[in-house]
Amino acid sequence: MSAARSDTTVGSYDAKTRFSELLELAESGREITITRHGTPVARLVPIKHHSTPEQRRANIQKWLQTSRGLSLGKLKIRDLVNEGRP
């Protein structure tokens, strides 16, 4: 694992084998970026247990803005759900 500032970067294999340790780091406030072949693909971040109603509203608004314009094209959600069933 290599540390850059307060952020830690870990390859996917290393993340899999050291997951418990990474959870402890996140719990202590560290952010962990997980890479695949050197490209960042995910981030493990600590949960903020105390957010204000304003912060929650801002996060919801950010999520809504991000999701605007996303489309399934001709696909229907029911078809996607059925596709995932055994």
N, C-alpha and C. Protein backbone atom coordinates (compact mmCIF):
# COMPACT_ATOMS: atom_id res chain seq x y z
N MET A 1 0.85 -1.18 0.00
CA MET A 1 0.00 0.00 0.00
C MET A 1 0.88 1.23 0.00
N SER A 2 0.49 2.20 -0.78
CA SER A 2 1.27 3.44 -0.81
C SER A 2 0.40 4.59 -0.34
N ALA A 3 0.96 5.42 0.51
CA ALA A 3 0.21 6.54 1.06
C ALA A 3 0.52 7.80 0.28
N ALA A 4 -0.52 8.51 -0.06
CA ALA A 4 -0.39 9.81 -0.69
C ALA A 4 -1.26 10.76 0.12
N ARG A 5 -0.62 11.66 0.83
CA ARG A 5 -1.33 12.52 1.79
C ARG A 5 -2.05 11.64 2.80
N SER A 6 -3.36 11.91 3.05
CA SER A 6 -4.09 11.06 3.99
C SER A 6 -4.81 9.94 3.24
N ASP A 7 -4.59 9.88 1.93
CA ASP A 7 -5.25 8.88 1.11
C ASP A 7 -4.32 7.68 0.92
N THR A 8 -4.89 6.48 0.90
CA THR A 8 -4.12 5.27 0.69
C THR A 8 -4.59 4.63 -0.61
N THR A 9 -3.65 4.19 -1.44
CA THR A 9 -3.98 3.54 -2.70
C THR A 9 -3.56 2.08 -2.62
N VAL A 10 -4.48 1.19 -3.03
CA VAL A 10 -4.25 -0.24 -2.92
C VAL A 10 -4.73 -0.91 -4.20
N GLY A 11 -3.96 -1.87 -4.69
CA GLY A 11 -4.38 -2.67 -5.83
C GLY A 11 -5.53 -3.60 -5.42
N SER A 12 -6.31 -4.04 -6.40
CA SER A 12 -7.50 -4.84 -6.09
C SER A 12 -7.16 -6.15 -5.38
N TYR A 13 -6.09 -6.82 -5.79
CA TYR A 13 -5.71 -8.07 -5.13
C TYR A 13 -5.33 -7.82 -3.67
N ASP A 14 -4.53 -6.78 -3.46
CA ASP A 14 -4.11 -6.42 -2.10
C ASP A 14 -5.33 -6.03 -1.27
N ALA A 15 -6.28 -5.32 -1.87
CA ALA A 15 -7.49 -4.93 -1.15
C ALA A 15 -8.28 -6.16 -0.71
N LYS A 16 -8.33 -7.15 -1.58
CA LYS A 16 -9.08 -8.37 -1.27
C LYS A 16 -8.41 -9.12 -0.11
N THR A 17 -7.10 -9.20 -0.14
CA THR A 17 -6.40 -9.98 0.88
C THR A 17 -6.25 -9.23 2.20
N ARG A 18 -6.40 -7.90 2.19
CA ARG A 18 -6.21 -7.11 3.41
C ARG A 18 -7.46 -6.30 3.76
N PHE A 19 -8.62 -6.83 3.39
CA PHE A 19 -9.86 -6.07 3.55
C PHE A 19 -10.12 -5.64 4.98
N SER A 20 -9.92 -6.53 5.94
CA SER A 20 -10.16 -6.18 7.35
C SER A 20 -9.30 -5.00 7.78
N GLU A 21 -8.04 -5.01 7.37
CA GLU A 21 -7.13 -3.90 7.70
C GLU A 21 -7.61 -2.60 7.06
N LEU A 22 -8.08 -2.69 5.82
CA LEU A 22 -8.56 -1.49 5.12
C LEU A 22 -9.82 -0.94 5.79
N LEU A 23 -10.68 -1.83 6.26
CA LEU A 23 -11.86 -1.37 6.99
C LEU A 23 -11.47 -0.63 8.26
N GLU A 24 -10.46 -1.12 8.96
CA GLU A 24 -9.98 -0.43 10.16
C GLU A 24 -9.43 0.95 9.81
N LEU A 25 -8.70 1.04 8.69
CA LEU A 25 -8.18 2.34 8.26
C LEU A 25 -9.33 3.30 7.96
N ALA A 26 -10.34 2.82 7.25
CA ALA A 26 -11.49 3.67 6.93
C ALA A 26 -12.21 4.09 8.20
N GLU A 27 -12.35 3.15 9.11
CA GLU A 27 -13.01 3.46 10.38
C GLU A 27 -12.27 4.55 11.15
N SER A 28 -10.95 4.58 10.99
CA SER A 28 -10.15 5.59 11.69
C SER A 28 -10.09 6.93 10.94
N GLY A 29 -10.80 7.01 9.79
CA GLY A 29 -10.88 8.28 9.08
C GLY A 29 -10.12 8.34 7.77
N ARG A 30 -9.39 7.29 7.40
CA ARG A 30 -8.62 7.29 6.16
C ARG A 30 -9.52 6.96 4.97
N GLU A 31 -9.14 7.47 3.79
CA GLU A 31 -9.80 7.12 2.55
C GLU A 31 -8.88 6.19 1.77
N ILE A 32 -9.43 5.12 1.21
CA ILE A 32 -8.64 4.14 0.49
C ILE A 32 -9.14 4.09 -0.95
N THR A 33 -8.25 4.30 -1.90
CA THR A 33 -8.58 4.18 -3.31
C THR A 33 -8.13 2.80 -3.78
N ILE A 34 -9.02 2.07 -4.42
CA ILE A 34 -8.71 0.74 -4.92
C ILE A 34 -8.51 0.83 -6.43
N THR A 35 -7.39 0.28 -6.89
CA THR A 35 -7.06 0.36 -8.31
C THR A 35 -7.07 -1.02 -8.95
N ARG A 36 -7.25 -1.03 -10.25
CA ARG A 36 -7.10 -2.24 -11.05
C ARG A 36 -6.14 -1.89 -12.17
N HIS A 37 -5.02 -2.56 -12.20
CA HIS A 37 -3.96 -2.29 -13.19
C HIS A 37 -3.56 -0.81 -13.17
N GLY A 38 -3.50 -0.25 -11.96
CA GLY A 38 -3.05 1.13 -11.79
C GLY A 38 -4.12 2.19 -11.99
N THR A 39 -5.33 1.80 -12.40
CA THR A 39 -6.41 2.76 -12.64
C THR A 39 -7.38 2.73 -11.47
N PRO A 40 -7.65 3.88 -10.85
CA PRO A 40 -8.60 3.92 -9.73
C PRO A 40 -9.99 3.45 -10.18
N VAL A 41 -10.58 2.53 -9.41
CA VAL A 41 -11.91 2.02 -9.74
C VAL A 41 -12.91 2.15 -8.59
N ALA A 42 -12.44 2.32 -7.37
CA ALA A 42 -13.35 2.43 -6.24
C ALA A 42 -12.67 3.16 -5.10
N ARG A 43 -13.48 3.65 -4.18
CA ARG A 43 -12.94 4.33 -3.01
C ARG A 43 -13.69 3.86 -1.77
N LEU A 44 -12.95 3.49 -0.77
CA LEU A 44 -13.49 3.10 0.53
C LEU A 44 -13.31 4.30 1.44
N VAL A 45 -14.42 4.85 1.92
CA VAL A 45 -14.36 6.08 2.72
C VAL A 45 -15.08 5.87 4.04
N PRO A 46 -14.66 6.61 5.06
CA PRO A 46 -15.35 6.51 6.35
C PRO A 46 -16.75 7.10 6.25
N ILE A 47 -17.66 6.54 7.00
CA ILE A 47 -19.03 7.06 7.04
C ILE A 47 -19.09 8.20 8.04
N LYS A 48 -19.75 9.26 7.64
CA LYS A 48 -19.99 10.36 8.57
C LYS A 48 -21.25 10.01 9.33
N HIS A 49 -21.12 9.82 10.63
CA HIS A 49 -22.26 9.42 11.43
C HIS A 49 -23.18 10.57 11.80
N HIS A 50 -22.65 11.77 11.74
CA HIS A 50 -23.45 12.92 12.15
C HIS A 50 -23.48 13.93 11.02
N SER A 51 -24.52 13.89 10.22
CA SER A 51 -24.67 14.90 9.18
C SER A 51 -25.89 15.75 9.50
N THR A 52 -25.81 16.98 9.13
CA THR A 52 -26.92 17.89 9.39
C THR A 52 -27.99 17.70 8.31
N PRO A 53 -29.20 18.12 8.59
CA PRO A 53 -30.25 18.05 7.56
C PRO A 53 -29.84 18.80 6.28
N GLU A 54 -29.11 19.89 6.43
CA GLU A 54 -28.65 20.65 5.27
C GLU A 54 -27.67 19.84 4.43
N GLN A 55 -26.77 19.11 5.10
CA GLN A 55 -25.82 18.27 4.37
C GLN A 55 -26.55 17.15 3.64
N ARG A 56 -27.55 16.57 4.28
CA ARG A 56 -28.32 15.51 3.63
C ARG A 56 -29.07 16.04 2.42
N ARG A 57 -29.68 17.22 2.55
CA ARG A 57 -30.39 17.82 1.42
C ARG A 57 -29.42 18.11 0.28
N ALA A 58 -28.24 18.63 0.60
CA ALA A 58 -27.25 18.94 -0.43
C ALA A 58 -26.80 17.66 -1.14
N ASN A 59 -26.61 16.59 -0.39
CA ASN A 59 -26.21 15.32 -1.00
C ASN A 59 -27.31 14.77 -1.90
N ILE A 60 -28.55 14.89 -1.48
CA ILE A 60 -29.67 14.42 -2.31
C ILE A 60 -29.73 15.24 -3.59
N GLN A 61 -29.57 16.55 -3.48
CA GLN A 61 -29.58 17.40 -4.66
C GLN A 61 -28.44 17.05 -5.62
N LYS A 62 -27.26 16.78 -5.07
CA LYS A 62 -26.12 16.37 -5.89
C LYS A 62 -26.42 15.07 -6.61
N TRP A 63 -27.01 14.11 -5.90
CA TRP A 63 -27.37 12.84 -6.50
C TRP A 63 -28.40 13.04 -7.62
N LEU A 64 -29.41 13.87 -7.37
CA LEU A 64 -30.43 14.13 -8.38
C LEU A 64 -29.82 14.78 -9.62
N GLN A 65 -28.91 15.74 -9.43
CA GLN A 65 -28.26 16.38 -10.57
C GLN A 65 -27.41 15.39 -11.36
N THR A 66 -26.72 14.51 -10.66
CA THR A 66 -25.89 13.51 -11.32
C THR A 66 -26.73 12.55 -12.15
N SER A 67 -27.92 12.20 -11.65
CA SER A 67 -28.75 11.21 -12.33
C SER A 67 -29.58 11.81 -13.46
N ARG A 68 -29.67 13.12 -13.57
CA ARG A 68 -30.43 13.73 -14.65
C ARG A 68 -29.83 13.36 -15.99
N GLY A 69 -30.70 13.03 -16.92
CA GLY A 69 -30.25 12.72 -18.26
C GLY A 69 -29.85 11.27 -18.45
N LEU A 70 -29.79 10.49 -17.36
CA LEU A 70 -29.48 9.08 -17.51
C LEU A 70 -30.72 8.36 -18.02
N SER A 71 -30.50 7.43 -18.93
CA SER A 71 -31.62 6.74 -19.54
C SER A 71 -31.30 5.27 -19.73
N LEU A 72 -32.31 4.45 -19.70
CA LEU A 72 -32.15 3.03 -20.00
C LEU A 72 -32.38 2.75 -21.48
N GLY A 73 -32.63 3.81 -22.26
CA GLY A 73 -32.91 3.61 -23.67
C GLY A 73 -34.23 2.87 -23.83
N LYS A 74 -34.21 1.79 -24.59
CA LYS A 74 -35.43 1.01 -24.80
C LYS A 74 -35.64 -0.05 -23.73
N LEU A 75 -34.69 -0.19 -22.81
CA LEU A 75 -34.80 -1.19 -21.76
C LEU A 75 -35.81 -0.75 -20.70
N LYS A 76 -36.41 -1.73 -20.06
CA LYS A 76 -37.33 -1.46 -18.96
C LYS A 76 -36.72 -2.03 -17.69
N ILE A 77 -36.95 -1.38 -16.58
CA ILE A 77 -36.40 -1.83 -15.31
C ILE A 77 -36.85 -3.26 -15.02
N ARG A 78 -38.11 -3.59 -15.29
CA ARG A 78 -38.61 -4.94 -15.03
C ARG A 78 -37.79 -5.98 -15.81
N ASP A 79 -37.43 -5.68 -17.06
CA ASP A 79 -36.60 -6.61 -17.86
C ASP A 79 -35.24 -6.81 -17.22
N LEU A 80 -34.64 -5.73 -16.71
CA LEU A 80 -33.34 -5.85 -16.07
C LEU A 80 -33.42 -6.66 -14.80
N VAL A 81 -34.49 -6.48 -14.03
CA VAL A 81 -34.68 -7.24 -12.80
C VAL A 81 -34.84 -8.72 -13.15
N ASN A 82 -35.66 -9.01 -14.13
CA ASN A 82 -35.89 -10.40 -14.53
C ASN A 82 -34.62 -11.05 -15.05
N GLU A 83 -33.80 -10.28 -15.73
CA GLU A 83 -32.55 -10.80 -16.28
C GLU A 83 -31.61 -11.26 -15.18
N GLY A 84 -31.68 -10.64 -14.02
CA GLY A 84 -30.78 -10.98 -12.92
C GLY A 84 -31.25 -12.14 -12.07
N ARG A 85 -32.44 -12.64 -12.35
CA ARG A 85 -32.98 -13.76 -11.56
C ARG A 85 -32.46 -15.09 -12.08
N PRO A 86 -32.22 -16.05 -11.16
CA PRO A 86 -31.74 -17.37 -11.60
C PRO A 86 -32.79 -18.17 -12.34
